[in-house]
Amino acid sequence: MSSAGIIRKQLKILEKDAALVEDFRICAKTDGGRMQDFGRDFLALCRQHGIQQSFVAKLLAISSGAVSQHYNR
């Protein structure tokens, strides 16, 4: 396979992964950025299992401060 073919193949994989993350975010929060039940449950599980706040913030595209607020509830 040519270099261009390998790059195209990897790009398609990255696009699918990005779409999956976006779908996850849609399930977790409203268009206005508020957490839905799924998002609150996810944050609670992350806290219980010691997942770093910075990782969760990046995954959900929210601030670390917002994650901290949910972790401290």
PDB file of N, CA and C in Angstrom:
ATOM      1  N   MET A   1       0.855  -1.181   0.000  1.00  0.00           N
ATOM      2  CA  MET A   1       0.000   0.000   0.000  1.00  0.00           C
ATOM      3  C   MET A   1       0.896   1.237   0.000  1.00  0.00           C
ATOM      4  N   SER A   2       0.496   2.235  -0.760  1.00  0.00           N
ATOM      5  CA  SER A   2       1.284   3.458  -0.860  1.00  0.00           C
ATOM      6  C   SER A   2       1.157   4.278   0.419  1.00  0.00           C
ATOM      7  N   SER A   3       2.053   5.221   0.579  1.00  0.00           N
ATOM      8  CA  SER A   3       1.999   6.105   1.751  1.00  0.00           C
ATOM      9  C   SER A   3       0.684   6.869   1.801  1.00  0.00           C
ATOM     10  N   ALA A   4       0.234   7.344   0.657  1.00  0.00           N
ATOM     11  CA  ALA A   4      -1.032   8.082   0.602  1.00  0.00           C
ATOM     12  C   ALA A   4      -2.199   7.177   1.003  1.00  0.00           C
ATOM     13  N   GLY A   5      -2.164   5.933   0.597  1.00  0.00           N
ATOM     14  CA  GLY A   5      -3.214   4.980   0.959  1.00  0.00           C
ATOM     15  C   GLY A   5      -3.239   4.703   2.452  1.00  0.00           C
ATOM     16  N   ILE A   6      -2.064   4.576   3.036  1.00  0.00           N
ATOM     17  CA  ILE A   6      -1.965   4.360   4.485  1.00  0.00           C
ATOM     18  C   ILE A   6      -2.506   5.570   5.236  1.00  0.00           C
ATOM     19  N   ILE A   7      -2.148   6.740   4.777  1.00  0.00           N
ATOM     20  CA  ILE A   7      -2.617   7.975   5.421  1.00  0.00           C
ATOM     21  C   ILE A   7      -4.137   8.088   5.313  1.00  0.00           C
ATOM     22  N   ARG A   8      -4.688   7.803   4.147  1.00  0.00           N
ATOM     23  CA  ARG A   8      -6.151   7.848   3.967  1.00  0.00           C
ATOM     24  C   ARG A   8      -6.852   6.859   4.892  1.00  0.00           C
ATOM     25  N   LYS A   9      -6.289   5.659   5.010  1.00  0.00           N
ATOM     26  CA  LYS A   9      -6.868   4.635   5.871  1.00  0.00           C
ATOM     27  C   LYS A   9      -6.855   5.100   7.331  1.00  0.00           C
ATOM     28  N   GLN A  10      -5.741   5.640   7.771  1.00  0.00           N
ATOM     29  CA  GLN A  10      -5.632   6.117   9.150  1.00  0.00           C
ATOM     30  C   GLN A  10      -6.544   7.313   9.397  1.00  0.00           C
ATOM     31  N   LEU A  11      -6.685   8.170   8.408  1.00  0.00           N
ATOM     32  CA  LEU A  11      -7.570   9.325   8.524  1.00  0.00           C
ATOM     33  C   LEU A  11      -9.024   8.879   8.699  1.00  0.00           C
ATOM     34  N   LYS A  12      -9.438   7.859   7.972  1.00  0.00           N
ATOM     35  CA  LYS A  12     -10.803   7.335   8.122  1.00  0.00           C
ATOM     36  C   LYS A  12     -11.013   6.786   9.527  1.00  0.00           C
ATOM     37  N   ILE A  13     -10.027   6.116  10.071  1.00  0.00           N
ATOM     38  CA  ILE A  13     -10.121   5.598  11.437  1.00  0.00           C
ATOM     39  C   ILE A  13     -10.259   6.747  12.431  1.00  0.00           C
ATOM     40  N   LEU A  14      -9.445   7.783  12.261  1.00  0.00           N
ATOM     41  CA  LEU A  14      -9.515   8.945  13.148  1.00  0.00           C
ATOM     42  C   LEU A  14     -10.870   9.650  13.043  1.00  0.00           C
ATOM     43  N   GLU A  15     -11.403   9.751  11.851  1.00  0.00           N
ATOM     44  CA  GLU A  15     -12.714  10.384  11.670  1.00  0.00           C
ATOM     45  C   GLU A  15     -13.810   9.589  12.364  1.00  0.00           C
ATOM     46  N   LYS A  16     -13.751   8.263  12.290  1.00  0.00           N
ATOM     47  CA  LYS A  16     -14.735   7.432  12.985  1.00  0.00           C
ATOM     48  C   LYS A  16     -14.615   7.598  14.492  1.00  0.00           C
ATOM     49  N   ASP A  17     -13.390   7.638  14.997  1.00  0.00           N
ATOM     50  CA  ASP A  17     -13.170   7.827  16.434  1.00  0.00           C
ATOM     51  C   ASP A  17     -13.689   9.188  16.889  1.00  0.00           C
ATOM     52  N   ALA A  18     -13.437  10.214  16.098  1.00  0.00           N
ATOM     53  CA  ALA A  18     -13.913  11.560  16.444  1.00  0.00           C
ATOM     54  C   ALA A  18     -15.439  11.607  16.460  1.00  0.00           C
ATOM     55  N   ALA A  19     -16.079  10.930  15.529  1.00  0.00           N
ATOM     56  CA  ALA A  19     -17.541  10.895  15.482  1.00  0.00           C
ATOM     57  C   ALA A  19     -18.095  10.167  16.710  1.00  0.00           C
ATOM     58  N   LEU A  20     -17.408   9.114  17.134  1.00  0.00           N
ATOM     59  CA  LEU A  20     -17.836   8.381  18.320  1.00  0.00           C
ATOM     60  C   LEU A  20     -17.752   9.258  19.570  1.00  0.00           C
ATOM     61  N   VAL A  21     -16.668  10.004  19.708  1.00  0.00           N
ATOM     62  CA  VAL A  21     -16.513  10.912  20.850  1.00  0.00           C
ATOM     63  C   VAL A  21     -17.597  11.988  20.812  1.00  0.00           C
ATOM     64  N   GLU A  22     -17.890  12.518  19.650  1.00  0.00           N
ATOM     65  CA  GLU A  22     -18.927  13.541  19.526  1.00  0.00           C
ATOM     66  C   GLU A  22     -20.298  12.977  19.909  1.00  0.00           C
ATOM     67  N   ASP A  23     -20.597  11.766  19.489  1.00  0.00           N
ATOM     68  CA  ASP A  23     -21.862  11.120  19.874  1.00  0.00           C
ATOM     69  C   ASP A  23     -21.925  10.928  21.387  1.00  0.00           C
ATOM     70  N   PHE A  24     -20.807  10.559  21.987  1.00  0.00           N
ATOM     71  CA  PHE A  24     -20.748  10.393  23.443  1.00  0.00           C
ATOM     72  C   PHE A  24     -21.052  11.716  24.136  1.00  0.00           C
ATOM     73  N   ARG A  25     -20.463  12.802  23.647  1.00  0.00           N
ATOM     74  CA  ARG A  25     -20.703  14.124  24.228  1.00  0.00           C
ATOM     75  C   ARG A  25     -22.177  14.527  24.093  1.00  0.00           C
ATOM     76  N   ILE A  26     -22.781  14.220  22.968  1.00  0.00           N
ATOM     77  CA  ILE A  26     -24.189  14.543  22.754  1.00  0.00           C
ATOM     78  C   ILE A  26     -25.061  13.815  23.772  1.00  0.00           C
ATOM     79  N   CYS A  27     -24.700  12.580  24.097  1.00  0.00           N
ATOM     80  CA  CYS A  27     -25.449  11.818  25.108  1.00  0.00           C
ATOM     81  C   CYS A  27     -25.223  12.379  26.514  1.00  0.00           C
ATOM     82  N   ALA A  28     -24.051  12.935  26.750  1.00  0.00           N
ATOM     83  CA  ALA A  28     -23.674  13.370  28.096  1.00  0.00           C
ATOM     84  C   ALA A  28     -24.182  14.755  28.457  1.00  0.00           C
ATOM     85  N   LYS A  29     -24.306  15.642  27.463  1.00  0.00           N
ATOM     86  CA  LYS A  29     -24.687  17.019  27.805  1.00  0.00           C
ATOM     87  C   LYS A  29     -25.612  17.611  26.755  1.00  0.00           C
ATOM     88  N   THR A  30     -26.327  18.636  27.178  1.00  0.00           N
ATOM     89  CA  THR A  30     -27.254  19.319  26.278  1.00  0.00           C
ATOM     90  C   THR A  30     -26.480  20.257  25.358  1.00  0.00           C
ATOM     91  N   ASP A  31     -27.179  20.827  24.386  1.00  0.00           N
ATOM     92  CA  ASP A  31     -26.551  21.810  23.503  1.00  0.00           C
ATOM     93  C   ASP A  31     -26.045  23.015  24.293  1.00  0.00           C
ATOM     94  N   GLY A  32     -26.730  23.313  25.397  1.00  0.00           N
ATOM     95  CA  GLY A  32     -26.327  24.425  26.250  1.00  0.00           C
ATOM     96  C   GLY A  32     -25.177  24.092  27.181  1.00  0.00           C
ATOM     97  N   GLY A  33     -24.721  22.850  27.179  1.00  0.00           N
ATOM     98  CA  GLY A  33     -23.578  22.455  27.988  1.00  0.00           C
ATOM     99  C   GLY A  33     -23.921  21.874  29.349  1.00  0.00           C
ATOM    100  N   ARG A  34     -25.198  21.754  29.662  1.00  0.00           N
ATOM    101  CA  ARG A  34     -25.588  21.169  30.954  1.00  0.00           C
ATOM    102  C   ARG A  34     -25.524  19.640  30.870  1.00  0.00           C
ATOM    103  N   MET A  35     -25.150  19.028  31.978  1.00  0.00           N
ATOM    104  CA  MET A  35     -25.068  17.576  32.023  1.00  0.00           C
ATOM    105  C   MET A  35     -26.457  16.963  32.024  1.00  0.00           C
ATOM    106  N   GLN A  36     -26.619  15.949  31.206  1.00  0.00           N
ATOM    107  CA  GLN A  36     -27.840  15.155  31.218  1.00  0.00           C
ATOM    108  C   GLN A  36     -27.635  14.023  32.237  1.00  0.00           C
ATOM    109  N   ASP A  37     -28.671  13.237  32.470  1.00  0.00           N
ATOM    110  CA  ASP A  37     -28.558  12.142  33.435  1.00  0.00           C
ATOM    111  C   ASP A  37     -27.375  11.235  33.108  1.00  0.00           C
ATOM    112  N   PHE A  38     -27.219  10.893  31.841  1.00  0.00           N
ATOM    113  CA  PHE A  38     -26.104  10.039  31.431  1.00  0.00           C
ATOM    114  C   PHE A  38     -24.766  10.674  31.797  1.00  0.00           C
ATOM    115  N   GLY A  39     -24.617  11.967  31.540  1.00  0.00           N
ATOM    116  CA  GLY A  39     -23.374  12.663  31.845  1.00  0.00           C
ATOM    117  C   GLY A  39     -23.080  12.689  33.336  1.00  0.00           C
ATOM    118  N   ARG A  40     -24.113  12.940  34.142  1.00  0.00           N
ATOM    119  CA  ARG A  40     -23.931  12.947  35.600  1.00  0.00           C
ATOM    120  C   ARG A  40     -23.550  11.553  36.098  1.00  0.00           C
ATOM    121  N   ASP A  41     -24.207  10.526  35.555  1.00  0.00           N
ATOM    122  CA  ASP A  41     -23.869   9.150  35.940  1.00  0.00           C
ATOM    123  C   ASP A  41     -22.434   8.807  35.538  1.00  0.00           C
ATOM    124  N   PHE A  42     -22.046   9.229  34.348  1.00  0.00           N
ATOM    125  CA  PHE A  42     -20.684   8.991  33.876  1.00  0.00           C
ATOM    126  C   PHE A  42     -19.668   9.673  34.782  1.00  0.00           C
ATOM    127  N   LEU A  43     -19.929  10.930  35.140  1.00  0.00           N
ATOM    128  CA  LEU A  43     -19.022  11.655  36.032  1.00  0.00           C
ATOM    129  C   LEU A  43     -18.925  10.975  37.395  1.00  0.00           C
ATOM    130  N   ALA A  44     -20.037  10.493  37.908  1.00  0.00           N
ATOM    131  CA  ALA A  44     -20.023   9.809  39.205  1.00  0.00           C
ATOM    132  C   ALA A  44     -19.178   8.532  39.138  1.00  0.00           C
ATOM    133  N   LEU A  45     -19.319   7.782  38.046  1.00  0.00           N
ATOM    134  CA  LEU A  45     -18.521   6.567  37.882  1.00  0.00           C
ATOM    135  C   LEU A  45     -17.034   6.881  37.741  1.00  0.00           C
ATOM    136  N   CYS A  46     -16.733   7.934  37.001  1.00  0.00           N
ATOM    137  CA  CYS A  46     -15.332   8.333  36.851  1.00  0.00           C
ATOM    138  C   CYS A  46     -14.731   8.689  38.204  1.00  0.00           C
ATOM    139  N   ARG A  47     -15.495   9.407  39.004  1.00  0.00           N
ATOM    140  CA  ARG A  47     -15.020   9.785  40.340  1.00  0.00           C
ATOM    141  C   ARG A  47     -14.792   8.538  41.188  1.00  0.00           C
ATOM    142  N   GLN A  48     -15.762   7.617  41.180  1.00  0.00           N
ATOM    143  CA  GLN A  48     -15.642   6.389  41.972  1.00  0.00           C
ATOM    144  C   GLN A  48     -14.406   5.580  41.592  1.00  0.00           C
ATOM    145  N   HIS A  49     -14.057   5.627  40.328  1.00  0.00           N
ATOM    146  CA  HIS A  49     -12.935   4.814  39.843  1.00  0.00           C
ATOM    147  C   HIS A  49     -11.623   5.583  39.723  1.00  0.00           C
ATOM    148  N   GLY A  50     -11.616   6.802  40.225  1.00  0.00           N
ATOM    149  CA  GLY A  50     -10.379   7.568  40.285  1.00  0.00           C
ATOM    150  C   GLY A  50      -9.869   8.084  38.950  1.00  0.00           C
ATOM    151  N   ILE A  51     -10.759   8.289  37.985  1.00  0.00           N
ATOM    152  CA  ILE A  51     -10.349   8.824  36.684  1.00  0.00           C
ATOM    153  C   ILE A  51     -10.012  10.301  36.862  1.00  0.00           C
ATOM    154  N   GLN A  52      -8.885  10.725  36.323  1.00  0.00           N
ATOM    155  CA  GLN A  52      -8.425  12.102  36.481  1.00  0.00           C
ATOM    156  C   GLN A  52      -9.418  13.097  35.895  1.00  0.00           C
ATOM    157  N   GLN A  53      -9.604  14.176  36.627  1.00  0.00           N
ATOM    158  CA  GLN A  53     -10.536  15.212  36.199  1.00  0.00           C
ATOM    159  C   GLN A  53     -10.144  15.803  34.853  1.00  0.00           C
ATOM    160  N   SER A  54      -8.864  15.985  34.612  1.00  0.00           N
ATOM    161  CA  SER A  54      -8.418  16.585  33.347  1.00  0.00           C
ATOM    162  C   SER A  54      -8.771  15.694  32.157  1.00  0.00           C
ATOM    163  N   PHE A  55      -8.680  14.386  32.330  1.00  0.00           N
ATOM    164  CA  PHE A  55      -9.045  13.453  31.259  1.00  0.00           C
ATOM    165  C   PHE A  55     -10.535  13.540  30.955  1.00  0.00           C
ATOM    166  N   VAL A  56     -11.353  13.532  32.025  1.00  0.00           N
ATOM    167  CA  VAL A  56     -12.803  13.595  31.855  1.00  0.00           C
ATOM    168  C   VAL A  56     -13.202  14.915  31.197  1.00  0.00           C
ATOM    169  N   ALA A  57     -12.548  15.994  31.604  1.00  0.00           N
ATOM    170  CA  ALA A  57     -12.843  17.311  31.025  1.00  0.00           C
ATOM    171  C   ALA A  57     -12.571  17.310  29.519  1.00  0.00           C
ATOM    172  N   LYS A  58     -11.458  16.738  29.109  1.00  0.00           N
ATOM    173  CA  LYS A  58     -11.131  16.676  27.680  1.00  0.00           C
ATOM    174  C   LYS A  58     -12.137  15.806  26.930  1.00  0.00           C
ATOM    175  N   LEU A  59     -12.490  14.672  27.525  1.00  0.00           N
ATOM    176  CA  LEU A  59     -13.416  13.756  26.867  1.00  0.00           C
ATOM    177  C   LEU A  59     -14.779  14.397  26.652  1.00  0.00           C
ATOM    178  N   LEU A  60     -15.256  15.141  27.647  1.00  0.00           N
ATOM    179  CA  LEU A  60     -16.575  15.756  27.552  1.00  0.00           C
ATOM    180  C   LEU A  60     -16.549  17.174  26.992  1.00  0.00           C
ATOM    181  N   ALA A  61     -15.362  17.703  26.730  1.00  0.00           N
ATOM    182  CA  ALA A  61     -15.197  19.076  26.233  1.00  0.00           C
ATOM    183  C   ALA A  61     -15.829  20.078  27.198  1.00  0.00           C
ATOM    184  N   ILE A  62     -15.487  19.916  28.489  1.00  0.00           N
ATOM    185  CA  ILE A  62     -15.907  20.857  29.521  1.00  0.00           C
ATOM    186  C   ILE A  62     -14.671  21.256  30.313  1.00  0.00           C
ATOM    187  N   SER A  63     -14.802  22.252  31.153  1.00  0.00           N
ATOM    188  CA  SER A  63     -13.651  22.706  31.923  1.00  0.00           C
ATOM    189  C   SER A  63     -13.361  21.748  33.081  1.00  0.00           C
ATOM    190  N   SER A  64     -12.125  21.750  33.535  1.00  0.00           N
ATOM    191  CA  SER A  64     -11.757  20.950  34.706  1.00  0.00           C
ATOM    192  C   SER A  64     -12.537  21.414  35.930  1.00  0.00           C
ATOM    193  N   GLY A  65     -12.833  22.718  35.984  1.00  0.00           N
ATOM    194  CA  GLY A  65     -13.622  23.257  37.086  1.00  0.00           C
ATOM    195  C   GLY A  65     -15.019  22.675  37.122  1.00  0.00           C
ATOM    196  N   ALA A  66     -15.617  22.481  35.950  1.00  0.00           N
ATOM    197  CA  ALA A  66     -16.951  21.885  35.889  1.00  0.00           C
ATOM    198  C   ALA A  66     -16.912  20.436  36.372  1.00  0.00           C
ATOM    199  N   VAL A  67     -15.867  19.720  35.985  1.00  0.00           N
ATOM    200  CA  VAL A  67     -15.715  18.342  36.451  1.00  0.00           C
ATOM    201  C   VAL A  67     -15.531  18.341  37.966  1.00  0.00           C
ATOM    202  N   SER A  68     -14.728  19.246  38.458  1.00  0.00           N
ATOM    203  CA  SER A  68     -14.488  19.345  39.899  1.00  0.00           C
ATOM    204  C   SER A  68     -15.784  19.583  40.656  1.00  0.00           C
ATOM    205  N   GLN A  69     -16.639  20.443  40.135  1.00  0.00           N
ATOM    206  CA  GLN A  69     -17.926  20.699  40.785  1.00  0.00           C
ATOM    207  C   GLN A  69     -18.744  19.412  40.894  1.00  0.00           C
ATOM    208  N   HIS A  70     -18.744  18.639  39.833  1.00  0.00           N
ATOM    209  CA  HIS A  70     -19.508  17.378  39.846  1.00  0.00           C
ATOM    210  C   HIS A  70     -18.845  16.348  40.765  1.00  0.00           C
ATOM    211  N   TYR A  71     -17.511  16.330  40.783  1.00  0.00           N
ATOM    212  CA  TYR A  71     -16.798  15.388  41.636  1.00  0.00           C
ATOM    213  C   TYR A  71     -17.036  15.707  43.105  1.00  0.00           C
ATOM    214  N   ASN A  72     -17.229  16.960  43.438  1.00  0.00           N
ATOM    215  CA  ASN A  72     -17.381  17.370  44.837  1.00  0.00           C
ATOM    216  C   ASN A  72     -18.819  17.342  45.334  1.00  0.00           C
ATOM    217  N   ARG A  73     -19.737  16.904  44.525  1.00  0.00           N
ATOM    218  CA  ARG A  73     -21.145  16.810  44.938  1.00  0.00           C
ATOM    219  C   ARG A  73     -21.397  15.548  45.699  1.00  0.00           C
TER     220      ARG A  73
END
